[in-house]
């Protein structure tokens, strides 16, 4: 659990796993520490207390089958836990782990997060990836933007002093 620094409230991802093979992260940006909210830290602390794999080289969500040397297989977590809960609350659309990254990016933008902050929280090396691939505009934001623009365009019809 050396990836989480509970004292500083940060997480550093220094390794990745693809198809069961552990390797380095893709880019230097993806290895930079990111802040972890106190609510998430509290949940991770409870997880650590219940986990038998808490060494600095153990994975946060370590596999018992692999004695902490590998993480729990992500697809198994989706299949056994996350998708059944999603179905119980009415989510029928199929989704994967990357869906959470897209949602995170879109929600960050919807609350007015600066682009550079979004890029760094998502650990992208390029802002282009953050904006072009991960972030979508939310309908409410589109309606608000249109309303604001129309208020400017039609301001003279509603208020003669608007031109002064």
C-alpha atoms as a PDB file:
ATOM      1  CA  UNK A   1       0.000   0.000   0.000  1.00  0.00           C
ATOM      2  CA  UNK A   2       2.955   2.264  -0.580  1.00  0.00           C
ATOM      3  CA  UNK A   3       1.024   3.931  -3.409  1.00  0.00           C
ATOM      4  CA  UNK A   4      -1.097   5.832  -0.866  1.00  0.00           C
ATOM      5  CA  UNK A   5       0.480   8.436   1.388  1.00  0.00           C
ATOM      6  CA  UNK A   6      -2.096   8.842   4.145  1.00  0.00           C
ATOM      7  CA  UNK A   7      -0.138  11.606   5.900  1.00  0.00           C
ATOM      8  CA  UNK A   8       0.126  13.794   2.782  1.00  0.00           C
ATOM      9  CA  UNK A   9      -3.251  12.776   1.343  1.00  0.00           C
ATOM     10  CA  UNK A  10      -1.819  11.712  -2.002  1.00  0.00           C
ATOM     11  CA  UNK A  11      -1.653   8.707  -4.284  1.00  0.00           C
ATOM     12  CA  UNK A  12       1.237   7.878  -6.586  1.00  0.00           C
ATOM     13  CA  UNK A  13       0.737   5.290  -9.299  1.00  0.00           C
ATOM     14  CA  UNK A  14       4.169   3.878 -10.110  1.00  0.00           C
ATOM     15  CA  UNK A  15       3.158   0.688 -11.882  1.00  0.00           C
ATOM     16  CA  UNK A  16       0.421  -0.619 -14.091  1.00  0.00           C
ATOM     17  CA  UNK A  17      -0.931  -4.031 -14.899  1.00  0.00           C
ATOM     18  CA  UNK A  18      -2.230  -5.018 -18.319  1.00  0.00           C
ATOM     19  CA  UNK A  19      -3.456  -8.547 -19.015  1.00  0.00           C
ATOM     20  CA  UNK A  20      -1.799  -9.728 -15.802  1.00  0.00           C
ATOM     21  CA  UNK A  21       1.624  -8.282 -16.655  1.00  0.00           C
ATOM     22  CA  UNK A  22       3.027  -5.693 -14.252  1.00  0.00           C
ATOM     23  CA  UNK A  23       4.992  -2.870 -15.856  1.00  0.00           C
ATOM     24  CA  UNK A  24       5.764   0.825 -15.612  1.00  0.00           C
ATOM     25  CA  UNK A  25       3.197   3.534 -16.265  1.00  0.00           C
ATOM     26  CA  UNK A  26       2.912   4.806 -19.840  1.00  0.00           C
ATOM     27  CA  UNK A  27       4.138   8.348 -19.271  1.00  0.00           C
ATOM     28  CA  UNK A  28       5.962  10.497 -16.743  1.00  0.00           C
ATOM     29  CA  UNK A  29       2.712  12.419 -16.163  1.00  0.00           C
ATOM     30  CA  UNK A  30       0.929   9.263 -15.093  1.00  0.00           C
ATOM     31  CA  UNK A  31       3.442   8.758 -12.280  1.00  0.00           C
ATOM     32  CA  UNK A  32       2.967  12.150 -10.636  1.00  0.00           C
ATOM     33  CA  UNK A  33       1.178  12.176  -7.272  1.00  0.00           C
ATOM     34  CA  UNK A  34      -2.470  13.187  -7.189  1.00  0.00           C
ATOM     35  CA  UNK A  35      -4.442  14.411  -4.185  1.00  0.00           C
ATOM     36  CA  UNK A  36      -6.914  12.058  -2.530  1.00  0.00           C
ATOM     37  CA  UNK A  37      -9.985  13.536  -0.845  1.00  0.00           C
ATOM     38  CA  UNK A  38     -10.341  12.948   2.897  1.00  0.00           C
ATOM     39  CA  UNK A  39     -13.507  10.858   2.360  1.00  0.00           C
ATOM     40  CA  UNK A  40     -11.638   8.505   0.033  1.00  0.00           C
ATOM     41  CA  UNK A  41      -8.646   8.378   2.387  1.00  0.00           C
ATOM     42  CA  UNK A  42     -10.966   7.366   5.217  1.00  0.00           C
ATOM     43  CA  UNK A  43     -12.424   4.527   3.124  1.00  0.00           C
ATOM     44  CA  UNK A  44      -8.921   3.398   2.106  1.00  0.00           C
ATOM     45  CA  UNK A  45      -7.814   3.473   5.722  1.00  0.00           C
ATOM     46  CA  UNK A  46     -10.689   1.154   6.670  1.00  0.00           C
ATOM     47  CA  UNK A  47      -9.762  -1.095   3.758  1.00  0.00           C
ATOM     48  CA  UNK A  48      -6.141  -1.185   4.907  1.00  0.00           C
ATOM     49  CA  UNK A  49      -7.225  -2.158   8.431  1.00  0.00           C
ATOM     50  CA  UNK A  50      -9.172  -5.113   7.013  1.00  0.00           C
ATOM     51  CA  UNK A  51      -6.505  -6.151   4.497  1.00  0.00           C
ATOM     52  CA  UNK A  52      -3.773  -8.668   5.213  1.00  0.00           C
ATOM     53  CA  UNK A  53      -1.573  -7.160   2.475  1.00  0.00           C
ATOM     54  CA  UNK A  54      -0.389  -3.768   3.697  1.00  0.00           C
ATOM     55  CA  UNK A  55       3.299  -3.844   2.797  1.00  0.00           C
ATOM     56  CA  UNK A  56       4.864  -1.041   0.755  1.00  0.00           C
ATOM     57  CA  UNK A  57       5.006  -3.263  -2.341  1.00  0.00           C
ATOM     58  CA  UNK A  58       1.529  -4.741  -1.936  1.00  0.00           C
ATOM     59  CA  UNK A  59      -1.276  -3.591  -4.180  1.00  0.00           C
ATOM     60  CA  UNK A  60      -4.043  -1.534  -2.571  1.00  0.00           C
ATOM     61  CA  UNK A  61      -6.596  -4.102  -3.725  1.00  0.00           C
ATOM     62  CA  UNK A  62      -4.351  -7.143  -3.496  1.00  0.00           C
ATOM     63  CA  UNK A  63      -5.368 -10.589  -4.634  1.00  0.00           C
ATOM     64  CA  UNK A  64      -5.494 -13.249  -1.937  1.00  0.00           C
ATOM     65  CA  UNK A  65      -4.943 -15.873  -4.608  1.00  0.00           C
ATOM     66  CA  UNK A  66      -1.625 -14.233  -5.543  1.00  0.00           C
ATOM     67  CA  UNK A  67      -0.759 -13.423  -1.891  1.00  0.00           C
ATOM     68  CA  UNK A  68      -0.682  -9.664  -2.513  1.00  0.00           C
ATOM     69  CA  UNK A  69       1.813  -9.824  -5.385  1.00  0.00           C
ATOM     70  CA  UNK A  70      -0.894  -8.937  -7.920  1.00  0.00           C
ATOM     71  CA  UNK A  71      -4.101  -6.931  -7.650  1.00  0.00           C
ATOM     72  CA  UNK A  72      -7.587  -8.362  -7.721  1.00  0.00           C
ATOM     73  CA  UNK A  73      -8.506  -8.784 -11.371  1.00  0.00           C
ATOM     74  CA  UNK A  74     -10.447  -5.671 -12.424  1.00  0.00           C
ATOM     75  CA  UNK A  75     -12.903  -7.492 -14.659  1.00  0.00           C
ATOM     76  CA  UNK A  76     -13.865  -9.762 -11.765  1.00  0.00           C
ATOM     77  CA  UNK A  77     -14.619  -6.719  -9.590  1.00  0.00           C
ATOM     78  CA  UNK A  78     -16.810  -5.265 -12.334  1.00  0.00           C
ATOM     79  CA  UNK A  79     -18.629  -8.547 -12.928  1.00  0.00           C
ATOM     80  CA  UNK A  80     -19.119  -9.614  -9.306  1.00  0.00           C
ATOM     81  CA  UNK A  81     -19.715  -6.314  -7.541  1.00  0.00           C
ATOM     82  CA  UNK A  82     -20.072  -3.117  -9.549  1.00  0.00           C
ATOM     83  CA  UNK A  83     -22.335  -4.207 -12.424  1.00  0.00           C
ATOM     84  CA  UNK A  84     -24.844  -6.018 -10.143  1.00  0.00           C
ATOM     85  CA  UNK A  85     -25.160  -2.892  -7.975  1.00  0.00           C
ATOM     86  CA  UNK A  86     -25.553  -0.735 -11.095  1.00  0.00           C
ATOM     87  CA  UNK A  87     -28.333  -3.002 -12.335  1.00  0.00           C
ATOM     88  CA  UNK A  88     -30.104  -2.866  -8.964  1.00  0.00           C
ATOM     89  CA  UNK A  89     -30.209   0.939  -9.160  1.00  0.00           C
ATOM     90  CA  UNK A  90     -31.487   0.856 -12.747  1.00  0.00           C
ATOM     91  CA  UNK A  91     -28.328   1.274 -14.825  1.00  0.00           C
ATOM     92  CA  UNK A  92     -28.689  -1.124 -17.739  1.00  0.00           C
ATOM     93  CA  UNK A  93     -26.027   0.277 -20.052  1.00  0.00           C
ATOM     94  CA  UNK A  94     -22.815  -1.764 -20.244  1.00  0.00           C
ATOM     95  CA  UNK A  95     -19.736   0.017 -18.926  1.00  0.00           C
ATOM     96  CA  UNK A  96     -16.116  -0.630 -18.043  1.00  0.00           C
ATOM     97  CA  UNK A  97     -13.363   0.895 -15.948  1.00  0.00           C
ATOM     98  CA  UNK A  98     -12.601   3.578 -18.512  1.00  0.00           C
ATOM     99  CA  UNK A  99     -16.194   4.796 -18.225  1.00  0.00           C
ATOM    100  CA  UNK A 100     -15.314   6.041 -14.747  1.00  0.00           C
ATOM    101  CA  UNK A 101     -12.428   8.127 -16.139  1.00  0.00           C
ATOM    102  CA  UNK A 102     -14.704   9.675 -18.782  1.00  0.00           C
ATOM    103  CA  UNK A 103     -17.350  10.423 -16.144  1.00  0.00           C
ATOM    104  CA  UNK A 104     -14.762  11.898 -13.774  1.00  0.00           C
ATOM    105  CA  UNK A 105     -13.462  14.204 -16.516  1.00  0.00           C
ATOM    106  CA  UNK A 106     -16.936  15.304 -17.570  1.00  0.00           C
ATOM    107  CA  UNK A 107     -18.028  15.993 -13.990  1.00  0.00           C
ATOM    108  CA  UNK A 108     -14.835  17.949 -13.264  1.00  0.00           C
ATOM    109  CA  UNK A 109     -15.576  20.187 -16.231  1.00  0.00           C
ATOM    110  CA  UNK A 110     -19.248  20.552 -15.289  1.00  0.00           C
ATOM    111  CA  UNK A 111     -18.254  22.097 -11.950  1.00  0.00           C
ATOM    112  CA  UNK A 112     -15.943  24.575 -13.672  1.00  0.00           C
ATOM    113  CA  UNK A 113     -12.588  22.909 -13.001  1.00  0.00           C
ATOM    114  CA  UNK A 114      -9.677  24.555 -14.808  1.00  0.00           C
ATOM    115  CA  UNK A 115      -8.380  22.578 -17.792  1.00  0.00           C
ATOM    116  CA  UNK A 116      -4.856  22.178 -16.432  1.00  0.00           C
ATOM    117  CA  UNK A 117      -6.210  20.850 -13.124  1.00  0.00           C
ATOM    118  CA  UNK A 118      -8.338  18.339 -15.034  1.00  0.00           C
ATOM    119  CA  UNK A 119      -5.339  17.213 -17.057  1.00  0.00           C
ATOM    120  CA  UNK A 120      -3.211  16.683 -13.962  1.00  0.00           C
ATOM    121  CA  UNK A 121      -5.933  14.904 -11.976  1.00  0.00           C
ATOM    122  CA  UNK A 122      -6.429  12.508 -14.887  1.00  0.00           C
ATOM    123  CA  UNK A 123      -2.628  12.243 -15.198  1.00  0.00           C
ATOM    124  CA  UNK A 124      -2.663  12.924 -18.930  1.00  0.00           C
ATOM    125  CA  UNK A 125       0.514  14.095 -20.618  1.00  0.00           C
ATOM    126  CA  UNK A 126      -1.559  16.139 -23.073  1.00  0.00           C
ATOM    127  CA  UNK A 127      -4.476  18.481 -22.504  1.00  0.00           C
ATOM    128  CA  UNK A 128      -5.752  17.374 -25.914  1.00  0.00           C
ATOM    129  CA  UNK A 129      -6.451  13.862 -24.538  1.00  0.00           C
ATOM    130  CA  UNK A 130      -8.317  15.314 -21.591  1.00  0.00           C
ATOM    131  CA  UNK A 131     -10.563  17.534 -23.683  1.00  0.00           C
ATOM    132  CA  UNK A 132     -10.935  15.670 -26.979  1.00  0.00           C
ATOM    133  CA  UNK A 133     -11.236  12.106 -25.705  1.00  0.00           C
ATOM    134  CA  UNK A 134     -12.421  12.196 -22.089  1.00  0.00           C
ATOM    135  CA  UNK A 135     -14.632  15.243 -21.578  1.00  0.00           C
ATOM    136  CA  UNK A 136     -18.170  15.686 -22.849  1.00  0.00           C
ATOM    137  CA  UNK A 137     -20.399  18.696 -22.407  1.00  0.00           C
ATOM    138  CA  UNK A 138     -23.375  18.101 -20.138  1.00  0.00           C
ATOM    139  CA  UNK A 139     -26.800  19.054 -21.506  1.00  0.00           C
ATOM    140  CA  UNK A 140     -27.551  21.468 -18.646  1.00  0.00           C
ATOM    141  CA  UNK A 141     -24.297  23.294 -19.391  1.00  0.00           C
ATOM    142  CA  UNK A 142     -25.188  23.460 -23.097  1.00  0.00           C
ATOM    143  CA  UNK A 143     -28.619  24.924 -22.273  1.00  0.00           C
ATOM    144  CA  UNK A 144     -27.070  27.444 -19.881  1.00  0.00           C
ATOM    145  CA  UNK A 145     -24.513  28.496 -22.509  1.00  0.00           C
ATOM    146  CA  UNK A 146     -27.237  28.975 -25.108  1.00  0.00           C
ATOM    147  CA  UNK A 147     -29.370  30.970 -22.672  1.00  0.00           C
ATOM    148  CA  UNK A 148     -26.442  33.234 -21.788  1.00  0.00           C
ATOM    149  CA  UNK A 149     -25.614  33.808 -25.451  1.00  0.00           C
ATOM    150  CA  UNK A 150     -29.247  34.522 -26.346  1.00  0.00           C
ATOM    151  CA  UNK A 151     -29.485  36.962 -23.435  1.00  0.00           C
ATOM    152  CA  UNK A 152     -26.606  38.882 -25.034  1.00  0.00           C
ATOM    153  CA  UNK A 153     -28.057  38.762 -28.540  1.00  0.00           C
ATOM    154  CA  UNK A 154     -31.544  39.796 -27.490  1.00  0.00           C
ATOM    155  CA  UNK A 155     -30.523  42.178 -24.711  1.00  0.00           C
ATOM    156  CA  UNK A 156     -31.478  45.222 -26.803  1.00  0.00           C
ATOM    157  CA  UNK A 157     -35.056  43.930 -27.172  1.00  0.00           C
ATOM    158  CA  UNK A 158     -35.560  43.636 -23.429  1.00  0.00           C
ATOM    159  CA  UNK A 159     -33.551  46.595 -22.203  1.00  0.00           C
ATOM    160  CA  UNK A 160     -32.855  49.749 -24.234  1.00  0.00           C
ATOM    161  CA  UNK A 161     -30.109  50.729 -21.785  1.00  0.00           C
ATOM    162  CA  UNK A 162     -28.236  47.487 -22.561  1.00  0.00           C
ATOM    163  CA  UNK A 163     -26.620  49.143 -25.599  1.00  0.00           C
ATOM    164  CA  UNK A 164     -25.362  52.144 -23.625  1.00  0.00           C
END
